[in-house]
Amino acid sequence: MTVQTQLKLVDFSCHNLKPINLQVKPGETVSISGKSGAGKSLLLRAIADLIPHQGQCFFNGQEMNMLEPHQWRRQVAYLASESLWWFDSIGEHFNLPLNKQMTAYLESMGFSLDTLNWNVMRCSTGERQRLGVIRVLANEPHILLLDEPTANLDSGNSLQVEKLFLQYQKQTQCSIIWVAHNQQQIQRVAQRQFEIRQSELIEVQA
């Protein structure tokens, strides 16, 4: 039986990147690494339709341009290495009340429901990043574009974030593109590994 492709890039490029052809299956995680400035973040932002790009990007056969940007980004979610917050309180960034699953995610990241009443400014960078992980999962995306999601976290919290993303993936069969530099993390989370070299996306041996 043919497995339906969750995410498909066809001659897809942005900035100085050469055209990319890539398929990511349901329940699969692929990692992307490369030197600083190679274009890793730009590629994820282009897939999320946040910056100009060329070529085509499909989600389950539906081309990006067939959907309104907000509809695309709800299904194809981008998480930056440092999450952005635009309201004063944490809770204003969520649809309240949280369901049972989101409450469990909140607790797994070391928070309580009272955290929703916190002012964003009282949170450390690491706390905001962990809360950003929960916020991106709250929309129940089908594709996760993770741009070094544990870059600002200690080893214990990094492992907890990895565990949460992989738990969500197991439950939903979402596809993940995970930008990372830590080879040990890549080995833990990814089934296939890619590296951007000289503006080209190259698959490397695990």
N, C-alpha and C. Protein backbone atom coordinates (compact mmCIF):
# COMPACT_ATOMS: atom_id res chain seq x y z
N MET A 1 0.85 -1.19 0.00
CA MET A 1 0.00 0.00 0.00
C MET A 1 0.88 1.24 0.00
N THR A 2 0.57 2.19 -0.83
CA THR A 2 1.33 3.43 -0.92
C THR A 2 0.95 4.36 0.23
N VAL A 3 1.96 4.85 0.95
CA VAL A 3 1.71 5.79 2.03
C VAL A 3 1.58 7.19 1.45
N GLN A 4 0.51 7.88 1.84
CA GLN A 4 0.30 9.22 1.33
C GLN A 4 1.37 10.17 1.86
N THR A 5 1.96 10.94 0.99
CA THR A 5 2.97 11.89 1.40
C THR A 5 2.34 13.04 2.15
N GLN A 6 2.89 13.35 3.30
CA GLN A 6 2.36 14.46 4.09
C GLN A 6 2.85 15.80 3.54
N LEU A 7 4.15 15.93 3.29
CA LEU A 7 4.73 17.18 2.80
C LEU A 7 5.60 16.88 1.59
N LYS A 8 5.45 17.70 0.55
CA LYS A 8 6.21 17.47 -0.68
C LYS A 8 6.68 18.80 -1.24
N LEU A 9 7.99 18.90 -1.48
CA LEU A 9 8.58 20.07 -2.11
C LEU A 9 9.00 19.71 -3.52
N VAL A 10 8.62 20.54 -4.48
CA VAL A 10 8.94 20.30 -5.89
C VAL A 10 9.67 21.52 -6.43
N ASP A 11 10.94 21.34 -6.76
CA ASP A 11 11.78 22.45 -7.26
C ASP A 11 11.61 23.69 -6.38
N PHE A 12 11.59 23.47 -5.09
CA PHE A 12 11.31 24.52 -4.12
C PHE A 12 12.61 25.21 -3.71
N SER A 13 12.61 26.52 -3.72
CA SER A 13 13.83 27.25 -3.35
C SER A 13 13.46 28.62 -2.78
N CYS A 14 14.43 29.19 -2.08
CA CYS A 14 14.29 30.54 -1.56
C CYS A 14 15.68 31.11 -1.37
N HIS A 15 15.77 32.42 -1.40
CA HIS A 15 17.05 33.09 -1.23
C HIS A 15 18.06 32.48 -2.22
N ASN A 16 19.21 31.98 -1.72
CA ASN A 16 20.23 31.43 -2.61
C ASN A 16 20.21 29.91 -2.68
N LEU A 17 19.22 29.28 -2.06
CA LEU A 17 19.16 27.82 -2.07
C LEU A 17 18.81 27.29 -3.46
N LYS A 18 19.48 26.22 -3.84
CA LYS A 18 19.17 25.56 -5.11
C LYS A 18 17.84 24.82 -4.97
N PRO A 19 17.13 24.60 -6.08
CA PRO A 19 15.82 23.93 -6.01
C PRO A 19 15.88 22.59 -5.27
N ILE A 20 14.89 22.38 -4.42
CA ILE A 20 14.83 21.20 -3.54
C ILE A 20 13.63 20.35 -3.91
N ASN A 21 13.86 19.05 -4.02
CA ASN A 21 12.78 18.07 -4.17
C ASN A 21 12.85 17.14 -2.96
N LEU A 22 11.80 17.15 -2.16
CA LEU A 22 11.81 16.41 -0.90
C LEU A 22 10.40 15.97 -0.55
N GLN A 23 10.29 14.72 -0.07
CA GLN A 23 9.02 14.22 0.43
C GLN A 23 9.21 13.75 1.87
N VAL A 24 8.32 14.18 2.73
CA VAL A 24 8.35 13.77 4.14
C VAL A 24 7.06 13.03 4.43
N LYS A 25 7.16 11.79 4.85
CA LYS A 25 5.99 10.94 5.04
C LYS A 25 5.29 11.23 6.38
N PRO A 26 4.04 10.80 6.50
CA PRO A 26 3.36 10.91 7.79
C PRO A 26 4.15 10.19 8.87
N GLY A 27 4.30 10.81 10.02
CA GLY A 27 5.01 10.19 11.13
C GLY A 27 6.51 10.18 11.00
N GLU A 28 7.05 10.87 10.00
CA GLU A 28 8.50 10.88 9.79
C GLU A 28 9.10 12.21 10.23
N THR A 29 10.31 12.14 10.79
CA THR A 29 11.08 13.33 11.11
C THR A 29 12.35 13.35 10.29
N VAL A 30 12.59 14.45 9.61
CA VAL A 30 13.86 14.64 8.92
C VAL A 30 14.57 15.83 9.58
N SER A 31 15.87 15.71 9.71
CA SER A 31 16.65 16.79 10.30
C SER A 31 17.41 17.53 9.21
N ILE A 32 17.65 18.82 9.47
CA ILE A 32 18.46 19.64 8.57
C ILE A 32 19.51 20.34 9.41
N SER A 33 20.77 20.19 9.01
CA SER A 33 21.86 20.88 9.67
C SER A 33 22.65 21.65 8.62
N GLY A 34 23.66 22.36 9.07
CA GLY A 34 24.49 23.14 8.15
C GLY A 34 25.11 24.31 8.89
N LYS A 35 26.06 24.94 8.26
CA LYS A 35 26.74 26.06 8.87
C LYS A 35 25.81 27.24 9.07
N SER A 36 26.18 28.12 10.00
CA SER A 36 25.40 29.34 10.22
C SER A 36 25.33 30.14 8.93
N GLY A 37 24.13 30.58 8.58
CA GLY A 37 23.94 31.34 7.34
C GLY A 37 23.73 30.49 6.11
N ALA A 38 23.67 29.17 6.28
CA ALA A 38 23.50 28.28 5.12
C ALA A 38 22.11 28.39 4.51
N GLY A 39 21.13 28.81 5.32
CA GLY A 39 19.77 28.94 4.79
C GLY A 39 18.76 28.03 5.44
N LYS A 40 19.11 27.43 6.56
CA LYS A 40 18.20 26.48 7.22
C LYS A 40 16.91 27.16 7.67
N SER A 41 17.06 28.26 8.40
CA SER A 41 15.88 28.97 8.90
C SER A 41 15.06 29.54 7.74
N LEU A 42 15.75 30.05 6.74
CA LEU A 42 15.04 30.61 5.58
C LEU A 42 14.19 29.54 4.90
N LEU A 43 14.72 28.33 4.80
CA LEU A 43 13.96 27.25 4.17
C LEU A 43 12.68 26.96 4.96
N LEU A 44 12.79 26.85 6.28
CA LEU A 44 11.59 26.59 7.08
C LEU A 44 10.59 27.73 6.96
N ARG A 45 11.08 28.96 6.99
CA ARG A 45 10.18 30.11 6.88
C ARG A 45 9.50 30.15 5.52
N ALA A 46 10.20 29.71 4.48
CA ALA A 46 9.60 29.67 3.15
C ALA A 46 8.52 28.60 3.07
N ILE A 47 8.78 27.43 3.68
CA ILE A 47 7.78 26.36 3.69
C ILE A 47 6.53 26.81 4.45
N ALA A 48 6.74 27.64 5.47
CA ALA A 48 5.60 28.17 6.24
C ALA A 48 4.94 29.35 5.52
N ASP A 49 5.42 29.70 4.35
CA ASP A 49 4.87 30.81 3.55
C ASP A 49 5.02 32.15 4.28
N LEU A 50 6.17 32.32 4.93
CA LEU A 50 6.46 33.56 5.64
C LEU A 50 7.38 34.48 4.85
N ILE A 51 8.09 33.92 3.86
CA ILE A 51 8.98 34.72 3.02
C ILE A 51 8.81 34.27 1.57
N PRO A 52 9.22 35.09 0.60
CA PRO A 52 9.08 34.72 -0.81
C PRO A 52 9.86 33.44 -1.14
N HIS A 53 9.34 32.68 -2.09
CA HIS A 53 9.95 31.42 -2.49
C HIS A 53 9.55 31.10 -3.92
N GLN A 54 10.22 30.11 -4.48
CA GLN A 54 9.91 29.63 -5.82
C GLN A 54 9.61 28.14 -5.73
N GLY A 55 8.98 27.62 -6.78
CA GLY A 55 8.64 26.21 -6.80
C GLY A 55 7.33 25.95 -6.09
N GLN A 56 7.08 24.68 -5.77
CA GLN A 56 5.80 24.28 -5.19
C GLN A 56 6.00 23.54 -3.88
N CYS A 57 5.02 23.72 -3.00
CA CYS A 57 4.99 23.01 -1.73
C CYS A 57 3.59 22.45 -1.53
N PHE A 58 3.49 21.14 -1.29
CA PHE A 58 2.20 20.47 -1.15
C PHE A 58 2.06 19.87 0.25
N PHE A 59 0.85 19.96 0.79
CA PHE A 59 0.49 19.24 2.01
C PHE A 59 -0.66 18.32 1.65
N ASN A 60 -0.40 16.99 1.68
CA ASN A 60 -1.40 16.00 1.29
C ASN A 60 -2.06 16.33 -0.04
N GLY A 61 -1.22 16.72 -1.00
CA GLY A 61 -1.70 16.98 -2.34
C GLY A 61 -2.27 18.37 -2.55
N GLN A 62 -2.39 19.16 -1.51
CA GLN A 62 -2.94 20.51 -1.62
C GLN A 62 -1.80 21.51 -1.70
N GLU A 63 -1.74 22.28 -2.77
CA GLU A 63 -0.64 23.21 -2.98
C GLU A 63 -0.80 24.43 -2.09
N MET A 64 0.33 24.96 -1.64
CA MET A 64 0.34 26.10 -0.72
C MET A 64 -0.53 27.25 -1.21
N ASN A 65 -0.43 27.57 -2.49
CA ASN A 65 -1.14 28.74 -3.02
C ASN A 65 -2.65 28.55 -3.10
N MET A 66 -3.13 27.32 -2.84
CA MET A 66 -4.56 27.06 -2.86
C MET A 66 -5.22 27.47 -1.55
N LEU A 67 -4.43 27.77 -0.53
CA LEU A 67 -4.97 28.12 0.78
C LEU A 67 -4.58 29.54 1.16
N GLU A 68 -5.41 30.17 1.98
CA GLU A 68 -5.03 31.45 2.56
C GLU A 68 -3.84 31.23 3.48
N PRO A 69 -2.93 32.22 3.59
CA PRO A 69 -1.74 32.04 4.43
C PRO A 69 -2.03 31.58 5.84
N HIS A 70 -3.07 32.14 6.49
CA HIS A 70 -3.36 31.75 7.87
C HIS A 70 -3.86 30.30 7.94
N GLN A 71 -4.55 29.84 6.89
CA GLN A 71 -5.01 28.46 6.86
C GLN A 71 -3.82 27.51 6.69
N TRP A 72 -2.89 27.89 5.83
CA TRP A 72 -1.69 27.08 5.61
C TRP A 72 -0.87 26.97 6.90
N ARG A 73 -0.67 28.10 7.55
CA ARG A 73 0.20 28.11 8.74
C ARG A 73 -0.43 27.43 9.94
N ARG A 74 -1.72 27.28 9.93
CA ARG A 74 -2.36 26.53 11.01
C ARG A 74 -2.03 25.04 10.88
N GLN A 75 -1.91 24.57 9.64
CA GLN A 75 -1.59 23.16 9.40
C GLN A 75 -0.09 22.91 9.32
N VAL A 76 0.64 23.91 8.82
CA VAL A 76 2.10 23.81 8.63
C VAL A 76 2.71 24.84 9.56
N ALA A 77 3.04 24.42 10.77
CA ALA A 77 3.39 25.34 11.85
C ALA A 77 4.90 25.50 11.99
N TYR A 78 5.33 26.76 12.08
CA TYR A 78 6.75 27.10 12.24
C TYR A 78 7.02 27.54 13.67
N LEU A 79 8.05 26.94 14.29
CA LEU A 79 8.48 27.35 15.62
C LEU A 79 9.92 27.82 15.55
N ALA A 80 10.14 29.10 15.84
CA ALA A 80 11.47 29.68 15.78
C ALA A 80 12.29 29.28 17.01
N SER A 81 13.59 29.51 16.94
CA SER A 81 14.48 29.17 18.05
C SER A 81 14.22 30.04 19.27
N GLU A 82 13.61 31.20 19.07
CA GLU A 82 13.18 32.05 20.17
C GLU A 82 11.76 32.51 19.85
N SER A 83 10.79 32.00 20.60
CA SER A 83 9.39 32.26 20.27
C SER A 83 9.01 33.72 20.54
N LEU A 84 8.10 34.22 19.73
CA LEU A 84 7.63 35.60 19.84
C LEU A 84 6.30 35.65 20.60
N TRP A 85 6.12 36.71 21.39
CA TRP A 85 4.90 36.90 22.17
C TRP A 85 4.42 38.33 21.97
N TRP A 86 3.14 38.51 21.69
CA TRP A 86 2.64 39.83 21.31
C TRP A 86 1.60 40.39 22.29
N PHE A 87 1.01 39.56 23.15
CA PHE A 87 0.10 40.05 24.18
C PHE A 87 0.83 40.13 25.52
N ASP A 88 0.22 40.78 26.49
CA ASP A 88 0.87 40.96 27.79
C ASP A 88 0.94 39.67 28.60
N SER A 89 -0.14 38.89 28.59
CA SER A 89 -0.17 37.69 29.42
C SER A 89 -0.01 36.43 28.57
N ILE A 90 0.45 35.36 29.23
CA ILE A 90 0.62 34.07 28.55
C ILE A 90 -0.73 33.57 28.04
N GLY A 91 -1.76 33.63 28.88
CA GLY A 91 -3.05 33.06 28.53
C GLY A 91 -3.70 33.68 27.31
N GLU A 92 -3.38 34.94 27.02
CA GLU A 92 -3.97 35.60 25.85
C GLU A 92 -3.52 34.96 24.54
N HIS A 93 -2.48 34.14 24.59
CA HIS A 93 -1.96 33.51 23.38
C HIS A 93 -2.58 32.12 23.15
N PHE A 94 -3.50 31.71 24.01
CA PHE A 94 -4.13 30.40 23.91
C PHE A 94 -5.64 30.54 23.83
N ASN A 95 -6.28 29.54 23.23
CA ASN A 95 -7.74 29.43 23.28
C ASN A 95 -8.10 28.77 24.61
N LEU A 96 -8.74 29.54 25.49
CA LEU A 96 -9.05 29.06 26.83
C LEU A 96 -10.53 28.66 26.93
N PRO A 97 -10.87 27.71 27.81
CA PRO A 97 -9.94 26.96 28.67
C PRO A 97 -9.18 25.90 27.88
N LEU A 98 -8.02 25.53 28.38
CA LEU A 98 -7.24 24.48 27.74
C LEU A 98 -7.94 23.14 27.89
N ASN A 99 -7.85 22.32 26.83
CA ASN A 99 -8.41 20.98 26.95
C ASN A 99 -7.48 20.10 27.79
N LYS A 100 -7.91 18.90 28.04
CA LYS A 100 -7.16 17.98 28.91
C LYS A 100 -5.77 17.70 28.38
N GLN A 101 -5.67 17.55 27.05
CA GLN A 101 -4.37 17.25 26.45
C GLN A 101 -3.40 18.41 26.60
N MET A 102 -3.87 19.62 26.33
CA MET A 102 -2.99 20.78 26.45
C MET A 102 -2.58 21.03 27.90
N THR A 103 -3.50 20.76 28.84
CA THR A 103 -3.16 20.89 30.25
C THR A 103 -2.05 19.90 30.62
N ALA A 104 -2.14 18.69 30.08
CA ALA A 104 -1.10 17.69 30.33
C ALA A 104 0.23 18.14 29.74
N TYR A 105 0.20 18.73 28.53
CA TYR A 105 1.43 19.23 27.92
C TYR A 105 2.03 20.34 28.79
N LEU A 106 1.18 21.22 29.30
CA LEU A 106 1.64 22.32 30.15
C LEU A 106 2.36 21.76 31.38
N GLU A 107 1.77 20.78 32.00
CA GLU A 107 2.36 20.18 33.20
C GLU A 107 3.65 19.43 32.87
N SER A 108 3.70 18.81 31.70
CA SER A 108 4.91 18.07 31.31
C SER A 108 6.10 19.01 31.11
N MET A 109 5.82 20.28 30.82
CA MET A 109 6.87 21.28 30.65
C MET A 109 7.20 22.00 31.96
N GLY A 110 6.58 21.53 33.06
CA GLY A 110 6.90 22.09 34.36
C GLY A 110 6.07 23.29 34.76
N PHE A 111 4.90 23.48 34.14
CA PHE A 111 4.04 24.62 34.44
C PHE A 111 2.72 24.14 35.02
N SER A 112 1.97 25.08 35.60
CA SER A 112 0.62 24.82 36.09
C SER A 112 -0.34 25.74 35.34
N LEU A 113 -1.64 25.53 35.56
CA LEU A 113 -2.63 26.40 34.91
C LEU A 113 -2.47 27.86 35.34
N ASP A 114 -1.92 28.09 36.51
CA ASP A 114 -1.69 29.45 36.97
C ASP A 114 -0.71 30.20 36.07
N THR A 115 0.14 29.45 35.37
CA THR A 115 1.11 30.07 34.46
C THR A 115 0.41 30.92 33.41
N LEU A 116 -0.81 30.57 33.04
CA LEU A 116 -1.54 31.31 32.02
C LEU A 116 -1.82 32.75 32.46
N ASN A 117 -1.76 33.00 33.76
CA ASN A 117 -1.99 34.35 34.28
C ASN A 117 -0.71 35.18 34.33
N TRP A 118 0.43 34.56 34.06
CA TRP A 118 1.70 35.27 34.14
C TRP A 118 1.79 36.34 33.05
N ASN A 119 2.51 37.42 33.38
CA ASN A 119 2.90 38.39 32.37
C ASN A 119 4.09 37.81 31.60
N VAL A 120 4.07 37.97 30.30
CA VAL A 120 5.13 37.41 29.47
C VAL A 120 6.51 37.90 29.93
N MET A 121 6.59 39.14 30.40
CA MET A 121 7.87 39.73 30.75
C MET A 121 8.51 39.07 31.98
N ARG A 122 7.74 38.35 32.77
CA ARG A 122 8.32 37.70 33.95
C ARG A 122 8.98 36.37 33.59
N CYS A 123 8.75 35.91 32.38
CA CYS A 123 9.28 34.60 31.96
C CYS A 123 10.70 34.73 31.44
N SER A 124 11.52 33.75 31.76
CA SER A 124 12.86 33.69 31.19
C SER A 124 12.78 33.26 29.73
N THR A 125 13.89 33.38 29.03
CA THR A 125 13.93 32.95 27.63
C THR A 125 13.56 31.47 27.51
N GLY A 126 14.09 30.66 28.42
CA GLY A 126 13.80 29.23 28.38
C GLY A 126 12.34 28.93 28.67
N GLU A 127 11.75 29.65 29.62
CA GLU A 127 10.33 29.46 29.93
C GLU A 127 9.47 29.84 28.74
N ARG A 128 9.80 30.95 28.10
CA ARG A 128 9.02 31.36 26.92
C ARG A 128 9.14 30.32 25.81
N GLN A 129 10.32 29.74 25.67
CA GLN A 129 10.50 28.75 24.61
C GLN A 129 9.67 27.48 24.90
N ARG A 130 9.68 27.04 26.14
CA ARG A 130 8.89 25.85 26.50
C ARG A 130 7.39 26.12 26.34
N LEU A 131 6.96 27.32 26.72
CA LEU A 131 5.56 27.68 26.52
C LEU A 131 5.22 27.81 25.04
N GLY A 132 6.21 28.25 24.25
CA GLY A 132 6.01 28.34 22.81
C GLY A 132 5.79 26.99 22.17
N VAL A 133 6.44 25.97 22.72
CA VAL A 133 6.23 24.60 22.23
C VAL A 133 4.77 24.19 22.42
N ILE A 134 4.24 24.47 23.61
CA ILE A 134 2.85 24.12 23.90
C ILE A 134 1.91 24.92 22.99
N ARG A 135 2.23 26.21 22.81
CA ARG A 135 1.38 27.07 21.98
C ARG A 135 1.30 26.55 20.55
N VAL A 136 2.41 26.10 19.99
CA VAL A 136 2.37 25.63 18.60
C VAL A 136 1.59 24.32 18.48
N LEU A 137 1.63 23.48 19.53
CA LEU A 137 0.88 22.22 19.48
C LEU A 137 -0.61 22.44 19.71
N ALA A 138 -0.98 23.56 20.34
CA ALA A 138 -2.38 23.82 20.64
C ALA A 138 -3.24 23.93 19.39
N ASN A 139 -2.63 24.30 18.26
CA ASN A 139 -3.37 24.40 17.00
C ASN A 139 -3.48 23.07 16.27
N GLU A 140 -2.90 22.02 16.86
CA GLU A 140 -2.94 20.67 16.30
C GLU A 140 -2.46 20.64 14.84
N PRO A 141 -1.25 21.12 14.58
CA PRO A 141 -0.74 21.16 13.20
C PRO A 141 -0.45 19.76 12.67
N HIS A 142 -0.46 19.64 11.35
CA HIS A 142 -0.12 18.38 10.68
C HIS A 142 1.35 18.32 10.30
N ILE A 143 1.98 19.48 10.17
CA ILE A 143 3.40 19.58 9.85
C ILE A 143 4.04 20.49 10.91
N LEU A 144 5.18 20.06 11.44
CA LEU A 144 5.94 20.89 12.38
C LEU A 144 7.27 21.27 11.75
N LEU A 145 7.54 22.54 11.69
CA LEU A 145 8.80 23.07 11.19
C LEU A 145 9.54 23.65 12.39
N LEU A 146 10.50 22.92 12.90
CA LEU A 146 11.15 23.25 14.17
C LEU A 146 12.55 23.79 13.92
N ASP A 147 12.73 25.06 14.25
CA ASP A 147 14.00 25.75 14.00
C ASP A 147 14.80 25.82 15.30
N GLU A 148 15.59 24.80 15.55
CA GLU A 148 16.39 24.68 16.78
C GLU A 148 15.52 24.96 18.01
N PRO A 149 14.48 24.17 18.23
CA PRO A 149 13.51 24.46 19.30
C PRO A 149 14.07 24.32 20.71
N THR A 150 15.24 23.70 20.86
CA THR A 150 15.82 23.53 22.19
C THR A 150 17.10 24.35 22.37
N ALA A 151 17.33 25.30 21.48
CA ALA A 151 18.60 26.05 21.51
C ALA A 151 18.81 26.81 22.81
N ASN A 152 17.74 27.27 23.45
CA ASN A 152 17.85 28.08 24.67
C ASN A 152 17.57 27.29 25.94
N LEU A 153 17.60 25.96 25.85
CA LEU A 153 17.22 25.12 26.98
C LEU A 153 18.39 24.29 27.49
N ASP A 154 18.34 23.95 28.79
CA ASP A 154 19.35 23.06 29.34
C ASP A 154 19.05 21.64 28.88
N SER A 155 19.96 20.73 29.19
CA SER A 155 19.85 19.36 28.66
C SER A 155 18.57 18.67 29.13
N GLY A 156 18.19 18.88 30.40
CA GLY A 156 16.98 18.23 30.90
C GLY A 156 15.73 18.70 30.20
N ASN A 157 15.59 20.00 30.06
CA ASN A 157 14.41 20.54 29.36
C ASN A 157 14.44 20.22 27.88
N SER A 158 15.64 20.15 27.30
CA SER A 158 15.75 19.78 25.88
C SER A 158 15.20 18.38 25.65
N LEU A 159 15.56 17.47 26.52
CA LEU A 159 15.07 16.09 26.39
C LEU A 159 13.55 16.03 26.58
N GLN A 160 13.03 16.86 27.48
CA GLN A 160 11.58 16.87 27.72
C GLN A 160 10.84 17.41 26.50
N VAL A 161 11.41 18.43 25.84
CA VAL A 161 10.80 18.97 24.63
C VAL A 161 10.83 17.93 23.51
N GLU A 162 11.96 17.26 23.36
CA GLU A 162 12.05 16.18 22.36
C GLU A 162 10.96 15.14 22.62
N LYS A 163 10.82 14.73 23.86
CA LYS A 163 9.84 13.71 24.23
C LYS A 163 8.43 14.17 23.89
N LEU A 164 8.13 15.44 24.16
CA LEU A 164 6.79 15.95 23.90
C LEU A 164 6.49 15.98 22.40
N PHE A 165 7.45 16.45 21.59
CA PHE A 165 7.22 16.48 20.15
C PHE A 165 7.03 15.07 19.59
N LEU A 166 7.84 14.13 20.05
CA LEU A 166 7.74 12.77 19.53
C LEU A 166 6.46 12.09 20.02
N GLN A 167 6.00 12.44 21.22
CA GLN A 167 4.72 11.94 21.72
C GLN A 167 3.58 12.47 20.84
N TYR A 168 3.64 13.77 20.53
CA TYR A 168 2.61 14.36 19.67
C TYR A 168 2.64 13.71 18.29
N GLN A 169 3.83 13.47 17.78
CA GLN A 169 3.95 12.83 16.47
C GLN A 169 3.36 11.43 16.47
N LYS A 170 3.61 10.67 17.54
CA LYS A 170 3.06 9.32 17.64
C LYS A 170 1.55 9.34 17.67
N GLN A 171 0.99 10.34 18.34
CA GLN A 171 -0.47 10.45 18.45
C GLN A 171 -1.13 10.88 17.15
N THR A 172 -0.46 11.75 16.40
CA THR A 172 -1.09 12.38 15.24
C THR A 172 -0.52 11.96 13.89
N GLN A 173 0.64 11.29 13.89
CA GLN A 173 1.35 10.95 12.65
C GLN A 173 1.73 12.19 11.85
N CYS A 174 1.99 13.30 12.54
CA CYS A 174 2.43 14.51 11.85
C CYS A 174 3.84 14.32 11.30
N SER A 175 4.19 15.12 10.33
CA SER A 175 5.54 15.12 9.76
C SER A 175 6.32 16.27 10.40
N ILE A 176 7.62 16.04 10.61
CA ILE A 176 8.46 17.05 11.26
C ILE A 176 9.72 17.30 10.44
N ILE A 177 10.03 18.58 10.22
CA ILE A 177 11.35 18.98 9.74
C ILE A 177 12.01 19.71 10.89
N TRP A 178 13.15 19.18 11.35
CA TRP A 178 13.78 19.63 12.58
C TRP A 178 15.19 20.15 12.28
N VAL A 179 15.39 21.45 12.38
CA VAL A 179 16.72 22.04 12.21
C VAL A 179 17.47 21.91 13.52
N ALA A 180 18.66 21.32 13.47
CA ALA A 180 19.46 21.10 14.69
C ALA A 180 20.93 21.03 14.33
N HIS A 181 21.76 21.32 15.33
CA HIS A 181 23.21 21.19 15.18
C HIS A 181 23.75 20.02 16.00
N ASN A 182 23.07 19.70 17.09
CA ASN A 182 23.53 18.67 18.01
C ASN A 182 23.34 17.29 17.39
N GLN A 183 24.43 16.62 17.09
CA GLN A 183 24.35 15.34 16.41
C GLN A 183 23.66 14.28 17.25
N GLN A 184 23.84 14.34 18.56
CA GLN A 184 23.17 13.37 19.43
C GLN A 184 21.66 13.56 19.37
N GLN A 185 21.22 14.82 19.36
CA GLN A 185 19.79 15.08 19.25
C GLN A 185 19.26 14.59 17.90
N ILE A 186 20.00 14.87 16.85
CA ILE A 186 19.59 14.42 15.52
C ILE A 186 19.40 12.91 15.49
N GLN A 187 20.32 12.19 16.10
CA GLN A 187 20.23 10.73 16.13
C GLN A 187 18.99 10.28 16.89
N ARG A 188 18.62 11.03 17.92
CA ARG A 188 17.47 10.63 18.74
C ARG A 188 16.14 10.87 18.03
N VAL A 189 16.03 11.95 17.25
CA VAL A 189 14.71 12.36 16.76
C VAL A 189 14.44 12.05 15.29
N ALA A 190 15.49 11.92 14.47
CA ALA A 190 15.28 11.90 13.01
C ALA A 190 15.48 10.52 12.41
N GLN A 191 14.65 10.23 11.41
CA GLN A 191 14.83 9.01 10.61
C GLN A 191 15.74 9.25 9.41
N ARG A 192 15.71 10.48 8.90
CA ARG A 192 16.61 10.85 7.80
C ARG A 192 17.29 12.17 8.13
N GLN A 193 18.53 12.30 7.65
CA GLN A 193 19.31 13.49 7.95
C GLN A 193 19.75 14.18 6.66
N PHE A 194 19.64 15.51 6.67
CA PHE A 194 20.06 16.31 5.53
C PHE A 194 20.98 17.43 6.02
N GLU A 195 21.81 17.90 5.11
CA GLU A 195 22.70 19.02 5.42
C GLU A 195 22.70 19.98 4.24
N ILE A 196 22.71 21.27 4.53
CA ILE A 196 22.82 22.26 3.46
C ILE A 196 24.30 22.57 3.26
N ARG A 197 24.78 22.25 2.07
CA ARG A 197 26.18 22.51 1.71
C ARG A 197 26.20 23.27 0.38
N GLN A 198 26.88 24.39 0.37
CA GLN A 198 27.00 25.19 -0.85
C GLN A 198 25.64 25.39 -1.52
N SER A 199 24.67 25.77 -0.69
CA SER A 199 23.31 26.11 -1.14
C SER A 199 22.51 24.92 -1.65
N GLU A 200 22.95 23.72 -1.36
CA GLU A 200 22.25 22.52 -1.83
C GLU A 200 21.88 21.63 -0.64
N LEU A 201 20.67 21.09 -0.65
CA LEU A 201 20.23 20.18 0.41
C LEU A 201 20.66 18.76 0.03
N ILE A 202 21.51 18.17 0.87
CA ILE A 202 22.11 16.87 0.58
C ILE A 202 21.75 15.88 1.69
N GLU A 203 21.29 14.70 1.33
CA GLU A 203 21.01 13.67 2.33
C GLU A 203 22.32 13.04 2.77
N VAL A 204 22.45 12.86 4.08
CA VAL A 204 23.66 12.27 4.65
C VAL A 204 23.31 10.98 5.35
N GLN A 205 24.30 10.10 5.53
CA GLN A 205 24.07 8.83 6.17
C GLN A 205 23.89 9.01 7.67
N ALA A 206 22.92 8.30 8.24
CA ALA A 206 22.67 8.39 9.68
C ALA A 206 23.83 7.76 10.45
